Amino acid sequence: MWLILAFMSAALLGCYDSFKKQALKGNAVIPVLFLNTLFMSLIFLPYILMSLPDWTWEQHKYIVLKALIVLSSWILGYFGMKHLPLTIVGPINAARPVMVLVGALLVFGERLNVWQWIGVLLAVASFLLLSRSGKKEGIDFKHDHWIYMIVGAAMLGAVSGLYDKYLMAPVESGGVGLDRMMVQSWYNIYQCVMMGVMLWLLWWPKHEQTTPFHWSWSILGVSLFLSAADFLYFYSLSLPEAMISIVSMIRRGSVVVSFGFGALFFHEKNLKAKAFDLALVLLGLLFLYIGSR
């Protein structure tokens, strides 16, 4: 069951990335991100109102940290996504499971087996090849700060994935034992508050001198697809047999959907070379899957 949920989440996540690219086209990043967090908060507001009395600050402090991690990842990812081709961003994000495994290696003392090491090496090779493909479009991976933002977003996303399993693991297993709906609902609320402060302090005073904001229905699409993708993701992780390493890998399969959108709707360039790089990433994910079973 948890595998099916993870695959469904991956498909929705690919649509989310594609709508995000469209929403950011010629648009101001901060108000777009604020509206995304606002709409997602409204989606889960009924659940919050029905369950408000049941939770304490002892639980909420973990969710505030979750919101900080995710929002930091989103800010970097949104700015990077706006200035880079979707067919470059997708494969970089697809390397996130490698970061999850490395994080598990460093933080939890886990050891990688031969299959997992092959997957890691394939992911590294794909990143190097992707940098070569990017140069054909004037993107220098070593000196392009948008690339650094996407990589930073992926790293923070990996941290978030490890933290999610900790939040929802039972107390007797060393986790916090939080309800999945509580986590998803409240971290959106906290993110919305944080983005509201950023909108007021950072964007609004200089909005007339920066990229203007314009409404696009794709902004609403971003919120709907991400909310659905995260709902299935948290549901999957809440099941006792779920493995964060496997779920993280499957979720990165969303790159197939976003790559297709980049090719068909955004008419991005150099697709043959990028498709090879993408295939290498997916092959790496396959090795990670085999090694993590």
C-alpha atoms as a PDB file:
ATOM      1  CA  MET A   1       0.000   0.000   0.000  1.00  0.00           C
ATOM      2  CA  TRP A   2       2.740   2.459   0.943  1.00  0.00           C
ATOM      3  CA  LEU A   3       4.492   1.833  -2.392  1.00  0.00           C
ATOM      4  CA  ILE A   4       1.344   2.641  -4.379  1.00  0.00           C
ATOM      5  CA  LEU A   5       0.874   5.838  -2.392  1.00  0.00           C
ATOM      6  CA  ALA A   6       4.500   6.809  -3.058  1.00  0.00           C
ATOM      7  CA  PHE A   7       4.087   6.298  -6.828  1.00  0.00           C
ATOM      8  CA  MET A   8       0.891   8.356  -6.874  1.00  0.00           C
ATOM      9  CA  SER A   9       2.656  11.082  -4.917  1.00  0.00           C
ATOM     10  CA  ALA A  10       5.498  11.071  -7.455  1.00  0.00           C
ATOM     11  CA  ALA A  11       3.121  11.642 -10.385  1.00  0.00           C
ATOM     12  CA  LEU A  12       1.436  14.560  -8.616  1.00  0.00           C
ATOM     13  CA  LEU A  13       4.825  15.977  -7.634  1.00  0.00           C
ATOM     14  CA  GLY A  14       5.868  16.067 -11.290  1.00  0.00           C
ATOM     15  CA  CYS A  15       2.745  18.091 -12.105  1.00  0.00           C
ATOM     16  CA  TYR A  16       3.528  20.383  -9.154  1.00  0.00           C
ATOM     17  CA  ASP A  17       7.026  21.136 -10.496  1.00  0.00           C
ATOM     18  CA  SER A  18       5.611  21.879 -13.933  1.00  0.00           C
ATOM     19  CA  PHE A  19       2.908  24.230 -12.646  1.00  0.00           C
ATOM     20  CA  LYS A  20       5.525  25.916 -10.449  1.00  0.00           C
ATOM     21  CA  LYS A  21       7.701  26.627 -13.473  1.00  0.00           C
ATOM     22  CA  GLN A  22       4.726  28.177 -15.261  1.00  0.00           C
ATOM     23  CA  ALA A  23       3.662  30.210 -12.200  1.00  0.00           C
ATOM     24  CA  LEU A  24       7.145  31.717 -11.856  1.00  0.00           C
ATOM     25  CA  LYS A  25       7.470  32.702 -15.517  1.00  0.00           C
ATOM     26  CA  GLY A  26       8.132  36.456 -15.449  1.00  0.00           C
ATOM     27  CA  ASN A  27       6.682  36.633 -11.956  1.00  0.00           C
ATOM     28  CA  ALA A  28       7.882  37.771  -8.522  1.00  0.00           C
ATOM     29  CA  VAL A  29       8.957  34.775  -6.443  1.00  0.00           C
ATOM     30  CA  ILE A  30       8.046  35.863  -2.903  1.00  0.00           C
ATOM     31  CA  PRO A  31       4.333  36.668  -3.500  1.00  0.00           C
ATOM     32  CA  VAL A  32       3.926  33.466  -5.545  1.00  0.00           C
ATOM     33  CA  LEU A  33       5.376  31.418  -2.696  1.00  0.00           C
ATOM     34  CA  PHE A  34       3.269  33.297  -0.145  1.00  0.00           C
ATOM     35  CA  LEU A  35       0.083  32.547  -2.080  1.00  0.00           C
ATOM     36  CA  ASN A  36       1.059  28.895  -2.394  1.00  0.00           C
ATOM     37  CA  THR A  37       1.467  28.589   1.389  1.00  0.00           C
ATOM     38  CA  LEU A  38      -1.784  30.541   1.915  1.00  0.00           C
ATOM     39  CA  PHE A  39      -3.844  28.302  -0.372  1.00  0.00           C
ATOM     40  CA  MET A  40      -2.396  25.141   1.168  1.00  0.00           C
ATOM     41  CA  SER A  41      -3.178  26.480   4.642  1.00  0.00           C
ATOM     42  CA  LEU A  42      -6.782  27.111   3.602  1.00  0.00           C
ATOM     43  CA  ILE A  43      -7.073  23.579   2.216  1.00  0.00           C
ATOM     44  CA  PHE A  44      -6.185  22.087   5.606  1.00  0.00           C
ATOM     45  CA  LEU A  45      -7.859  24.741   7.785  1.00  0.00           C
ATOM     46  CA  PRO A  46     -11.047  22.678   8.383  1.00  0.00           C
ATOM     47  CA  TYR A  47      -8.968  19.847   9.835  1.00  0.00           C
ATOM     48  CA  ILE A  48      -7.085  22.283  12.094  1.00  0.00           C
ATOM     49  CA  LEU A  49     -10.302  23.835  13.400  1.00  0.00           C
ATOM     50  CA  MET A  50     -11.754  20.423  14.203  1.00  0.00           C
ATOM     51  CA  SER A  51      -8.662  19.201  16.071  1.00  0.00           C
ATOM     52  CA  LEU A  52      -7.208  22.375  17.584  1.00  0.00           C
ATOM     53  CA  PRO A  53      -7.606  21.516  21.285  1.00  0.00           C
ATOM     54  CA  ASP A  54      -5.714  18.216  21.045  1.00  0.00           C
ATOM     55  CA  TRP A  55      -2.133  19.449  20.593  1.00  0.00           C
ATOM     56  CA  THR A  56       0.509  21.120  22.742  1.00  0.00           C
ATOM     57  CA  TRP A  57       3.543  23.324  22.163  1.00  0.00           C
ATOM     58  CA  GLU A  58       5.732  20.312  22.961  1.00  0.00           C
ATOM     59  CA  GLN A  59       4.499  18.831  19.691  1.00  0.00           C
ATOM     60  CA  HIS A  60       4.303  22.070  17.729  1.00  0.00           C
ATOM     61  CA  LYS A  61       7.941  23.010  18.232  1.00  0.00           C
ATOM     62  CA  TYR A  62       8.921  20.035  16.052  1.00  0.00           C
ATOM     63  CA  ILE A  63       6.564  21.225  13.324  1.00  0.00           C
ATOM     64  CA  VAL A  64       7.943  24.785  13.461  1.00  0.00           C
ATOM     65  CA  LEU A  65      11.390  23.346  12.729  1.00  0.00           C
ATOM     66  CA  LYS A  66       9.887  21.298   9.896  1.00  0.00           C
ATOM     67  CA  ALA A  67       8.360  24.483   8.453  1.00  0.00           C
ATOM     68  CA  LEU A  68      11.704  26.309   8.630  1.00  0.00           C
ATOM     69  CA  ILE A  69      13.506  23.498   6.819  1.00  0.00           C
ATOM     70  CA  VAL A  70      10.890  23.139   4.088  1.00  0.00           C
ATOM     71  CA  LEU A  71      10.432  26.866   3.562  1.00  0.00           C
ATOM     72  CA  SER A  72      14.197  27.386   3.252  1.00  0.00           C
ATOM     73  CA  SER A  73      14.259  24.624   0.644  1.00  0.00           C
ATOM     74  CA  TRP A  74      11.319  26.156  -1.214  1.00  0.00           C
ATOM     75  CA  ILE A  75      12.791  29.659  -1.289  1.00  0.00           C
ATOM     76  CA  LEU A  76      16.026  28.369  -2.823  1.00  0.00           C
ATOM     77  CA  GLY A  77      14.134  26.032  -5.142  1.00  0.00           C
ATOM     78  CA  TYR A  78      11.667  28.670  -6.377  1.00  0.00           C
ATOM     79  CA  PHE A  79      14.398  31.175  -7.236  1.00  0.00           C
ATOM     80  CA  GLY A  80      16.466  28.475  -8.940  1.00  0.00           C
ATOM     81  CA  MET A  81      13.463  27.084 -10.808  1.00  0.00           C
ATOM     82  CA  LYS A  82      12.561  30.521 -12.157  1.00  0.00           C
ATOM     83  CA  HIS A  83      15.963  31.030 -13.806  1.00  0.00           C
ATOM     84  CA  LEU A  84      16.828  27.501 -14.965  1.00  0.00           C
ATOM     85  CA  PRO A  85      15.293  25.061 -17.484  1.00  0.00           C
ATOM     86  CA  LEU A  86      12.945  22.485 -15.991  1.00  0.00           C
ATOM     87  CA  THR A  87      14.960  19.779 -17.768  1.00  0.00           C
ATOM     88  CA  ILE A  88      18.019  20.853 -15.721  1.00  0.00           C
ATOM     89  CA  VAL A  89      16.243  21.285 -12.384  1.00  0.00           C
ATOM     90  CA  GLY A  90      14.416  17.940 -12.512  1.00  0.00           C
ATOM     91  CA  PRO A  91      17.476  15.662 -12.763  1.00  0.00           C
ATOM     92  CA  ILE A  92      19.276  17.627 -10.021  1.00  0.00           C
ATOM     93  CA  ASN A  93      16.293  17.167  -7.721  1.00  0.00           C
ATOM     94  CA  ALA A  94      16.197  13.500  -8.662  1.00  0.00           C
ATOM     95  CA  ALA A  95      19.550  13.082  -6.901  1.00  0.00           C
ATOM     96  CA  ARG A  96      17.863  13.840  -3.556  1.00  0.00           C
ATOM     97  CA  PRO A  97      17.583  10.162  -2.496  1.00  0.00           C
ATOM     98  CA  VAL A  98      21.367   9.959  -2.718  1.00  0.00           C
ATOM     99  CA  MET A  99      21.544  12.819  -0.235  1.00  0.00           C
ATOM    100  CA  VAL A 100      19.043  11.002   2.005  1.00  0.00           C
ATOM    101  CA  LEU A 101      21.256   7.915   1.993  1.00  0.00           C
ATOM    102  CA  VAL A 102      24.389   9.947   2.691  1.00  0.00           C
ATOM    103  CA  GLY A 103      22.512  11.689   5.499  1.00  0.00           C
ATOM    104  CA  ALA A 104      21.509   8.336   6.951  1.00  0.00           C
ATOM    105  CA  LEU A 105      25.160   7.288   6.663  1.00  0.00           C
ATOM    106  CA  LEU A 106      26.433  10.350   8.534  1.00  0.00           C
ATOM    107  CA  VAL A 107      23.632  10.916  11.036  1.00  0.00           C
ATOM    108  CA  PHE A 108      22.375   7.416  11.812  1.00  0.00           C
ATOM    109  CA  GLY A 109      25.600   5.516  11.201  1.00  0.00           C
ATOM    110  CA  GLU A 110      24.107   3.372   8.446  1.00  0.00           C
ATOM    111  CA  ARG A 111      26.378   1.631   5.936  1.00  0.00           C
ATOM    112  CA  LEU A 112      25.783   1.492   2.203  1.00  0.00           C
ATOM    113  CA  ASN A 113      25.909  -1.845   0.411  1.00  0.00           C
ATOM    114  CA  VAL A 114      27.400  -2.418  -3.060  1.00  0.00           C
ATOM    115  CA  TRP A 115      24.128  -1.726  -4.881  1.00  0.00           C
ATOM    116  CA  GLN A 116      23.648   1.549  -3.036  1.00  0.00           C
ATOM    117  CA  TRP A 117      27.222   2.663  -3.725  1.00  0.00           C
ATOM    118  CA  ILE A 118      26.686   1.993  -7.440  1.00  0.00           C
ATOM    119  CA  GLY A 119      23.522   4.105  -7.282  1.00  0.00           C
ATOM    120  CA  VAL A 120      25.409   6.933  -5.574  1.00  0.00           C
ATOM    121  CA  LEU A 121      28.208   6.834  -8.162  1.00  0.00           C
ATOM    122  CA  LEU A 122      25.713   6.828 -11.036  1.00  0.00           C
ATOM    123  CA  ALA A 123      23.976   9.859  -9.534  1.00  0.00           C
ATOM    124  CA  VAL A 124      27.311  11.693  -9.230  1.00  0.00           C
ATOM    125  CA  ALA A 125      28.177  10.783 -12.831  1.00  0.00           C
ATOM    126  CA  SER A 126      24.793  12.034 -14.039  1.00  0.00           C
ATOM    127  CA  PHE A 127      25.354  15.343 -12.243  1.00  0.00           C
ATOM    128  CA  LEU A 128      28.713  15.777 -13.979  1.00  0.00           C
ATOM    129  CA  LEU A 129      27.175  14.952 -17.358  1.00  0.00           C
ATOM    130  CA  LEU A 130      24.280  17.314 -16.652  1.00  0.00           C
ATOM    131  CA  SER A 131      26.772  20.118 -16.035  1.00  0.00           C
ATOM    132  CA  ARG A 132      28.190  19.427 -19.490  1.00  0.00           C
ATOM    133  CA  SER A 133      24.697  19.620 -20.999  1.00  0.00           C
ATOM    134  CA  GLY A 134      24.072  22.854 -19.134  1.00  0.00           C
ATOM    135  CA  LYS A 135      27.155  24.497 -20.623  1.00  0.00           C
ATOM    136  CA  LYS A 136      25.565  24.211 -24.071  1.00  0.00           C
ATOM    137  CA  GLU A 137      22.849  26.551 -22.767  1.00  0.00           C
ATOM    138  CA  GLY A 138      25.288  28.941 -21.106  1.00  0.00           C
ATOM    139  CA  ILE A 139      24.855  27.459 -17.619  1.00  0.00           C
ATOM    140  CA  ASP A 140      28.146  27.034 -15.745  1.00  0.00           C
ATOM    141  CA  PHE A 141      27.537  24.670 -12.820  1.00  0.00           C
ATOM    142  CA  LYS A 142      30.661  25.880 -11.017  1.00  0.00           C
ATOM    143  CA  HIS A 143      29.778  29.566 -11.076  1.00  0.00           C
ATOM    144  CA  ASP A 144      26.001  29.754 -11.563  1.00  0.00           C
ATOM    145  CA  HIS A 145      24.390  30.745  -8.266  1.00  0.00           C
ATOM    146  CA  TRP A 146      20.988  29.489  -9.462  1.00  0.00           C
ATOM    147  CA  ILE A 147      22.502  26.001  -9.677  1.00  0.00           C
ATOM    148  CA  TYR A 148      23.787  26.386  -6.128  1.00  0.00           C
ATOM    149  CA  MET A 149      20.271  27.325  -5.038  1.00  0.00           C
ATOM    150  CA  ILE A 150      18.760  24.207  -6.628  1.00  0.00           C
ATOM    151  CA  VAL A 151      21.433  22.004  -5.055  1.00  0.00           C
ATOM    152  CA  GLY A 152      20.862  23.707  -1.691  1.00  0.00           C
ATOM    153  CA  ALA A 153      17.119  23.178  -2.041  1.00  0.00           C
ATOM    154  CA  ALA A 154      17.686  19.487  -2.783  1.00  0.00           C
ATOM    155  CA  MET A 155      19.958  19.111   0.248  1.00  0.00           C
ATOM    156  CA  LEU A 156      17.425  20.750   2.551  1.00  0.00           C
ATOM    157  CA  GLY A 157      14.731  18.570   0.998  1.00  0.00           C
ATOM    158  CA  ALA A 158      16.776  15.508   1.917  1.00  0.00           C
ATOM    159  CA  VAL A 159      17.078  16.784   5.496  1.00  0.00           C
ATOM    160  CA  SER A 160      13.306  17.277   5.533  1.00  0.00           C
ATOM    161  CA  GLY A 161      12.748  13.711   4.344  1.00  0.00           C
ATOM    162  CA  LEU A 162      14.871  12.255   7.137  1.00  0.00           C
ATOM    163  CA  TYR A 163      13.148  14.518   9.651  1.00  0.00           C
ATOM    164  CA  ASP A 164       9.681  13.447   8.434  1.00  0.00           C
ATOM    165  CA  LYS A 165      10.309   9.816   9.283  1.00  0.00           C
ATOM    166  CA  TYR A 166      11.564  10.874  12.722  1.00  0.00           C
ATOM    167  CA  LEU A 167       8.452  12.986  13.328  1.00  0.00           C
ATOM    168  CA  MET A 168       6.004  10.227  12.471  1.00  0.00           C
ATOM    169  CA  ALA A 169       7.888   7.208  13.819  1.00  0.00           C
ATOM    170  CA  PRO A 170       6.316   5.805  17.024  1.00  0.00           C
ATOM    171  CA  VAL A 171       7.810   6.955  20.318  1.00  0.00           C
ATOM    172  CA  GLU A 172       8.795   3.400  21.167  1.00  0.00           C
ATOM    173  CA  SER A 173      10.850   3.345  17.948  1.00  0.00           C
ATOM    174  CA  GLY A 174      12.699   6.546  18.844  1.00  0.00           C
ATOM    175  CA  GLY A 175      10.451   8.971  16.954  1.00  0.00           C
ATOM    176  CA  VAL A 176       8.095  11.747  18.037  1.00  0.00           C
ATOM    177  CA  GLY A 177       4.909   9.898  17.056  1.00  0.00           C
ATOM    178  CA  LEU A 178       3.100  12.867  15.490  1.00  0.00           C
ATOM    179  CA  ASP A 179      -0.073  12.427  13.465  1.00  0.00           C
ATOM    180  CA  ARG A 180       0.585  12.850   9.712  1.00  0.00           C
ATOM    181  CA  MET A 181      -2.357  15.219   9.213  1.00  0.00           C
ATOM    182  CA  MET A 182      -1.177  17.344  12.119  1.00  0.00           C
ATOM    183  CA  VAL A 183       2.262  17.702  10.533  1.00  0.00           C
ATOM    184  CA  GLN A 184       0.978  18.525   7.052  1.00  0.00           C
ATOM    185  CA  SER A 185      -1.701  20.941   8.260  1.00  0.00           C
ATOM    186  CA  TRP A 186       0.321  22.934  10.755  1.00  0.00           C
ATOM    187  CA  TYR A 187       3.588  23.205   8.871  1.00  0.00           C
ATOM    188  CA  ASN A 188       1.639  24.912   6.067  1.00  0.00           C
ATOM    189  CA  ILE A 189       0.190  27.378   8.580  1.00  0.00           C
ATOM    190  CA  TYR A 190       3.618  28.184  10.010  1.00  0.00           C
ATOM    191  CA  GLN A 191       5.078  28.576   6.534  1.00  0.00           C
ATOM    192  CA  CYS A 192       2.289  30.955   5.558  1.00  0.00           C
ATOM    193  CA  VAL A 193       3.018  33.145   8.607  1.00  0.00           C
ATOM    194  CA  MET A 194       6.758  33.157   7.828  1.00  0.00           C
ATOM    195  CA  MET A 195       6.154  34.027   4.172  1.00  0.00           C
ATOM    196  CA  GLY A 196       3.714  36.766   5.190  1.00  0.00           C
ATOM    197  CA  VAL A 197       6.476  38.388   7.240  1.00  0.00           C
ATOM    198  CA  MET A 198       8.913  38.080   4.329  1.00  0.00           C
ATOM    199  CA  LEU A 199       6.358  39.542   1.937  1.00  0.00           C
ATOM    200  CA  TRP A 200       5.781  42.525   4.205  1.00  0.00           C
ATOM    201  CA  LEU A 201       9.394  43.213   5.174  1.00  0.00           C
ATOM    202  CA  LEU A 202      11.403  42.191   2.097  1.00  0.00           C
ATOM    203  CA  TRP A 203       9.225  42.347  -1.026  1.00  0.00           C
ATOM    204  CA  TRP A 204       6.527  44.966  -0.495  1.00  0.00           C
ATOM    205  CA  PRO A 205       8.800  47.953   0.338  1.00  0.00           C
ATOM    206  CA  LYS A 206      10.690  47.470  -2.963  1.00  0.00           C
ATOM    207  CA  HIS A 207       8.059  45.785  -5.116  1.00  0.00           C
ATOM    208  CA  GLU A 208       7.881  48.705  -7.550  1.00  0.00           C
ATOM    209  CA  GLN A 209      11.607  48.370  -8.342  1.00  0.00           C
ATOM    210  CA  THR A 210      11.646  44.557  -8.644  1.00  0.00           C
ATOM    211  CA  THR A 211       9.972  41.958 -10.829  1.00  0.00           C
ATOM    212  CA  PRO A 212       6.227  42.705 -10.760  1.00  0.00           C
ATOM    213  CA  PHE A 213       3.677  40.203  -9.557  1.00  0.00           C
ATOM    214  CA  HIS A 214       0.836  39.042 -11.784  1.00  0.00           C
ATOM    215  CA  TRP A 215      -1.877  36.526 -11.032  1.00  0.00           C
ATOM    216  CA  SER A 216      -1.806  33.157 -12.795  1.00  0.00           C
ATOM    217  CA  TRP A 217      -4.153  30.229 -12.275  1.00  0.00           C
ATOM    218  CA  SER A 218      -1.088  27.997 -12.299  1.00  0.00           C
ATOM    219  CA  ILE A 219      -0.351  29.385  -8.801  1.00  0.00           C
ATOM    220  CA  LEU A 220      -3.489  27.666  -7.544  1.00  0.00           C
ATOM    221  CA  GLY A 221      -2.471  24.535  -9.451  1.00  0.00           C
ATOM    222  CA  VAL A 222       0.850  24.497  -7.579  1.00  0.00           C
ATOM    223  CA  SER A 223      -0.943  24.465  -4.229  1.00  0.00           C
ATOM    224  CA  LEU A 224      -3.471  21.808  -5.211  1.00  0.00           C
ATOM    225  CA  PHE A 225      -0.950  19.378  -6.704  1.00  0.00           C
ATOM    226  CA  LEU A 226       1.546  19.807  -3.873  1.00  0.00           C
ATOM    227  CA  SER A 227      -1.121  19.389  -1.192  1.00  0.00           C
ATOM    228  CA  ALA A 228      -2.319  16.159  -2.819  1.00  0.00           C
ATOM    229  CA  ALA A 229       1.244  14.891  -3.350  1.00  0.00           C
ATOM    230  CA  ASP A 230       2.225  15.628   0.251  1.00  0.00           C
ATOM    231  CA  PHE A 231      -0.984  14.080   1.599  1.00  0.00           C
ATOM    232  CA  LEU A 232      -0.157  10.776  -0.114  1.00  0.00           C
ATOM    233  CA  TYR A 233       3.503  11.092   0.912  1.00  0.00           C
ATOM    234  CA  PHE A 234       2.732  11.591   4.611  1.00  0.00           C
ATOM    235  CA  TYR A 235       0.118   8.843   4.477  1.00  0.00           C
ATOM    236  CA  SER A 236       2.733   6.492   3.014  1.00  0.00           C
ATOM    237  CA  LEU A 237       5.304   7.375   5.680  1.00  0.00           C
ATOM    238  CA  SER A 238       2.785   6.914   8.472  1.00  0.00           C
ATOM    239  CA  LEU A 239       2.408   3.222   7.635  1.00  0.00           C
ATOM    240  CA  PRO A 240       4.631   1.054   9.873  1.00  0.00           C
ATOM    241  CA  GLU A 241       6.324  -0.832   7.042  1.00  0.00           C
ATOM    242  CA  ALA A 242       7.224   2.293   5.023  1.00  0.00           C
ATOM    243  CA  MET A 243      10.922   2.911   4.314  1.00  0.00           C
ATOM    244  CA  ILE A 244      11.947   6.560   3.895  1.00  0.00           C
ATOM    245  CA  SER A 245      14.822   5.621   1.572  1.00  0.00           C
ATOM    246  CA  ILE A 246      12.457   3.801  -0.815  1.00  0.00           C
ATOM    247  CA  VAL A 247       9.709   6.447  -0.614  1.00  0.00           C
ATOM    248  CA  SER A 248      12.248   9.195  -1.306  1.00  0.00           C
ATOM    249  CA  MET A 249      13.539   7.358  -4.370  1.00  0.00           C
ATOM    250  CA  ILE A 250      10.071   6.742  -5.790  1.00  0.00           C
ATOM    251  CA  ARG A 251       9.089  10.381  -5.245  1.00  0.00           C
ATOM    252  CA  ARG A 252      12.064  11.468  -7.340  1.00  0.00           C
ATOM    253  CA  GLY A 253      10.508   9.553 -10.225  1.00  0.00           C
ATOM    254  CA  SER A 254       8.455  12.732 -10.588  1.00  0.00           C
ATOM    255  CA  VAL A 255      11.309  13.976 -12.776  1.00  0.00           C
ATOM    256  CA  VAL A 256       9.888  11.912 -15.655  1.00  0.00           C
ATOM    257  CA  VAL A 257       6.657  13.942 -15.549  1.00  0.00           C
ATOM    258  CA  SER A 258       8.390  17.328 -15.184  1.00  0.00           C
ATOM    259  CA  PHE A 259      10.911  16.448 -17.910  1.00  0.00           C
ATOM    260  CA  GLY A 260       8.021  15.655 -20.250  1.00  0.00           C
ATOM    261  CA  PHE A 261       6.382  19.003 -19.438  1.00  0.00           C
ATOM    262  CA  GLY A 262       9.681  20.804 -20.081  1.00  0.00           C
ATOM    263  CA  ALA A 263       9.990  19.151 -23.487  1.00  0.00           C
ATOM    264  CA  LEU A 264       6.369  19.421 -24.630  1.00  0.00           C
ATOM    265  CA  PHE A 265       5.117  22.691 -23.168  1.00  0.00           C
ATOM    266  CA  PHE A 266       8.211  24.806 -22.438  1.00  0.00           C
ATOM    267  CA  HIS A 267      10.075  23.695 -25.587  1.00  0.00           C
ATOM    268  CA  GLU A 268      13.406  23.479 -23.778  1.00  0.00           C
ATOM    269  CA  LYS A 269      16.631  22.759 -25.658  1.00  0.00           C
ATOM    270  CA  ASN A 270      19.293  20.043 -25.810  1.00  0.00           C
ATOM    271  CA  LEU A 271      16.809  17.335 -24.863  1.00  0.00           C
ATOM    272  CA  LYS A 272      18.721  14.327 -26.207  1.00  0.00           C
ATOM    273  CA  ALA A 273      21.757  14.908 -23.995  1.00  0.00           C
ATOM    274  CA  LYS A 274      19.560  15.706 -20.991  1.00  0.00           C
ATOM    275  CA  ALA A 275      17.473  12.581 -21.612  1.00  0.00           C
ATOM    276  CA  PHE A 276      20.646  10.483 -21.357  1.00  0.00           C
ATOM    277  CA  ASP A 277      21.557  12.249 -18.108  1.00  0.00           C
ATOM    278  CA  LEU A 278      18.034  11.617 -16.827  1.00  0.00           C
ATOM    279  CA  ALA A 279      18.262   7.938 -17.759  1.00  0.00           C
ATOM    280  CA  LEU A 280      21.468   7.699 -15.749  1.00  0.00           C
ATOM    281  CA  VAL A 281      19.736   9.255 -12.731  1.00  0.00           C
ATOM    282  CA  LEU A 282      16.842   6.799 -13.013  1.00  0.00           C
ATOM    283  CA  LEU A 283      19.272   3.903 -13.344  1.00  0.00           C
ATOM    284  CA  GLY A 284      20.967   5.123 -10.165  1.00  0.00           C
ATOM    285  CA  LEU A 285      17.573   5.192  -8.427  1.00  0.00           C
ATOM    286  CA  LEU A 286      16.969   1.619  -9.580  1.00  0.00           C
ATOM    287  CA  PHE A 287      20.247   0.500  -7.988  1.00  0.00           C
ATOM    288  CA  LEU A 288      19.353   2.342  -4.810  1.00  0.00           C
ATOM    289  CA  TYR A 289      15.962   0.648  -4.780  1.00  0.00           C
ATOM    290  CA  ILE A 290      17.514  -2.807  -5.202  1.00  0.00           C
ATOM    291  CA  GLY A 291      20.089  -2.110  -2.513  1.00  0.00           C
ATOM    292  CA  SER A 292      17.513  -0.757  -0.055  1.00  0.00           C
ATOM    293  CA  ARG A 293      14.948  -3.557  -0.284  1.00  0.00           C
END
